[in-house]
């Protein structure tokens, strides 16, 4: 499992960081900060963003593995 949210996940899921932020009630600049590594995601909103992103990434990874995709 990855420990940091990935920009590649946004590309693969065909969603923008801004769309994801809006859909989950987070400020777009905070989400960009977490994804870029500028914010570590250890406290507050950054931690909540990191947890949601990792949850979303793990769900999509599980779905891809279930669909017969090869793990990387």
C-alpha atoms as a PDB file:
ATOM      1  CA  UNK A   1       0.000   0.000   0.000  1.00  0.00           C
ATOM      2  CA  UNK A   2       1.209   3.480  -0.813  1.00  0.00           C
ATOM      3  CA  UNK A   3       1.782   5.876   2.047  1.00  0.00           C
ATOM      4  CA  UNK A   4       1.320   9.097   0.094  1.00  0.00           C
ATOM      5  CA  UNK A   5      -1.492  10.069  -2.235  1.00  0.00           C
ATOM      6  CA  UNK A   6      -0.468  10.008  -5.875  1.00  0.00           C
ATOM      7  CA  UNK A   7      -1.137  12.344  -8.782  1.00  0.00           C
ATOM      8  CA  UNK A   8      -1.152   9.257 -10.995  1.00  0.00           C
ATOM      9  CA  UNK A   9      -4.281   8.038  -9.224  1.00  0.00           C
ATOM     10  CA  UNK A  10      -6.098  11.190 -10.339  1.00  0.00           C
ATOM     11  CA  UNK A  11      -4.989  10.593 -13.922  1.00  0.00           C
ATOM     12  CA  UNK A  12      -6.013   6.937 -13.792  1.00  0.00           C
ATOM     13  CA  UNK A  13      -9.387   7.711 -12.237  1.00  0.00           C
ATOM     14  CA  UNK A  14     -10.020  10.510 -14.773  1.00  0.00           C
ATOM     15  CA  UNK A  15     -10.857  13.052 -12.108  1.00  0.00           C
ATOM     16  CA  UNK A  16      -9.187  16.352 -11.292  1.00  0.00           C
ATOM     17  CA  UNK A  17      -7.847  17.314  -7.909  1.00  0.00           C
ATOM     18  CA  UNK A  18     -10.291  20.231  -7.861  1.00  0.00           C
ATOM     19  CA  UNK A  19     -13.285  17.998  -8.592  1.00  0.00           C
ATOM     20  CA  UNK A  20     -12.239  15.544  -5.894  1.00  0.00           C
ATOM     21  CA  UNK A  21     -11.725  18.355  -3.371  1.00  0.00           C
ATOM     22  CA  UNK A  22     -15.152  19.832  -4.105  1.00  0.00           C
ATOM     23  CA  UNK A  23     -16.873  16.438  -3.921  1.00  0.00           C
ATOM     24  CA  UNK A  24     -15.330  15.723  -0.513  1.00  0.00           C
ATOM     25  CA  UNK A  25     -15.694  19.210   0.988  1.00  0.00           C
ATOM     26  CA  UNK A  26     -11.998  20.117   1.109  1.00  0.00           C
ATOM     27  CA  UNK A  27     -10.208  23.247  -0.051  1.00  0.00           C
ATOM     28  CA  UNK A  28      -8.514  22.642  -3.390  1.00  0.00           C
ATOM     29  CA  UNK A  29      -5.223  24.242  -2.295  1.00  0.00           C
ATOM     30  CA  UNK A  30      -5.007  21.893   0.706  1.00  0.00           C
ATOM     31  CA  UNK A  31      -5.546  18.839  -1.493  1.00  0.00           C
ATOM     32  CA  UNK A  32      -2.867  20.077  -3.909  1.00  0.00           C
ATOM     33  CA  UNK A  33      -0.543  20.573  -0.921  1.00  0.00           C
ATOM     34  CA  UNK A  34      -1.045  17.009   0.302  1.00  0.00           C
ATOM     35  CA  UNK A  35      -0.663  15.461  -3.149  1.00  0.00           C
ATOM     36  CA  UNK A  36       2.478  17.496  -3.921  1.00  0.00           C
ATOM     37  CA  UNK A  37       4.050  16.663  -0.572  1.00  0.00           C
ATOM     38  CA  UNK A  38       4.137  20.272   0.597  1.00  0.00           C
ATOM     39  CA  UNK A  39       1.768  19.275   3.415  1.00  0.00           C
ATOM     40  CA  UNK A  40       2.657  16.063   5.203  1.00  0.00           C
ATOM     41  CA  UNK A  41      -0.866  15.193   6.276  1.00  0.00           C
ATOM     42  CA  UNK A  42      -0.037  14.676   9.933  1.00  0.00           C
ATOM     43  CA  UNK A  43      -2.689  16.926  11.484  1.00  0.00           C
ATOM     44  CA  UNK A  44      -6.000  18.627  10.882  1.00  0.00           C
ATOM     45  CA  UNK A  45      -7.533  18.921   7.450  1.00  0.00           C
ATOM     46  CA  UNK A  46      -4.370  17.683   5.749  1.00  0.00           C
ATOM     47  CA  UNK A  47      -4.595  14.432   7.724  1.00  0.00           C
ATOM     48  CA  UNK A  48      -8.268  14.021   6.791  1.00  0.00           C
ATOM     49  CA  UNK A  49      -7.431  14.630   3.126  1.00  0.00           C
ATOM     50  CA  UNK A  50      -4.579  12.127   3.186  1.00  0.00           C
ATOM     51  CA  UNK A  51      -6.786   9.468   4.797  1.00  0.00           C
ATOM     52  CA  UNK A  52      -9.615   9.992   2.270  1.00  0.00           C
ATOM     53  CA  UNK A  53      -7.208   9.885  -0.663  1.00  0.00           C
ATOM     54  CA  UNK A  54      -5.521   6.713   0.558  1.00  0.00           C
ATOM     55  CA  UNK A  55      -8.935   5.128   1.130  1.00  0.00           C
ATOM     56  CA  UNK A  56     -10.041   6.043  -2.394  1.00  0.00           C
ATOM     57  CA  UNK A  57      -6.789   4.743  -3.875  1.00  0.00           C
ATOM     58  CA  UNK A  58      -7.005   1.448  -2.006  1.00  0.00           C
ATOM     59  CA  UNK A  59     -10.618   0.962  -3.134  1.00  0.00           C
ATOM     60  CA  UNK A  60      -9.706   1.559  -6.768  1.00  0.00           C
ATOM     61  CA  UNK A  61      -6.695  -0.756  -6.456  1.00  0.00           C
ATOM     62  CA  UNK A  62      -8.892  -3.501  -5.035  1.00  0.00           C
ATOM     63  CA  UNK A  63     -11.407  -2.997  -7.825  1.00  0.00           C
ATOM     64  CA  UNK A  64      -8.646  -3.196 -10.445  1.00  0.00           C
ATOM     65  CA  UNK A  65      -7.231  -6.380  -8.930  1.00  0.00           C
ATOM     66  CA  UNK A  66     -10.705  -7.898  -8.859  1.00  0.00           C
ATOM     67  CA  UNK A  67     -11.112  -7.067 -12.542  1.00  0.00           C
ATOM     68  CA  UNK A  68      -8.035  -9.085 -13.452  1.00  0.00           C
ATOM     69  CA  UNK A  69      -5.458  -6.304 -13.600  1.00  0.00           C
ATOM     70  CA  UNK A  70      -1.920  -7.248 -12.712  1.00  0.00           C
ATOM     71  CA  UNK A  71      -0.507  -5.716  -9.492  1.00  0.00           C
ATOM     72  CA  UNK A  72       2.446  -3.367  -9.977  1.00  0.00           C
END
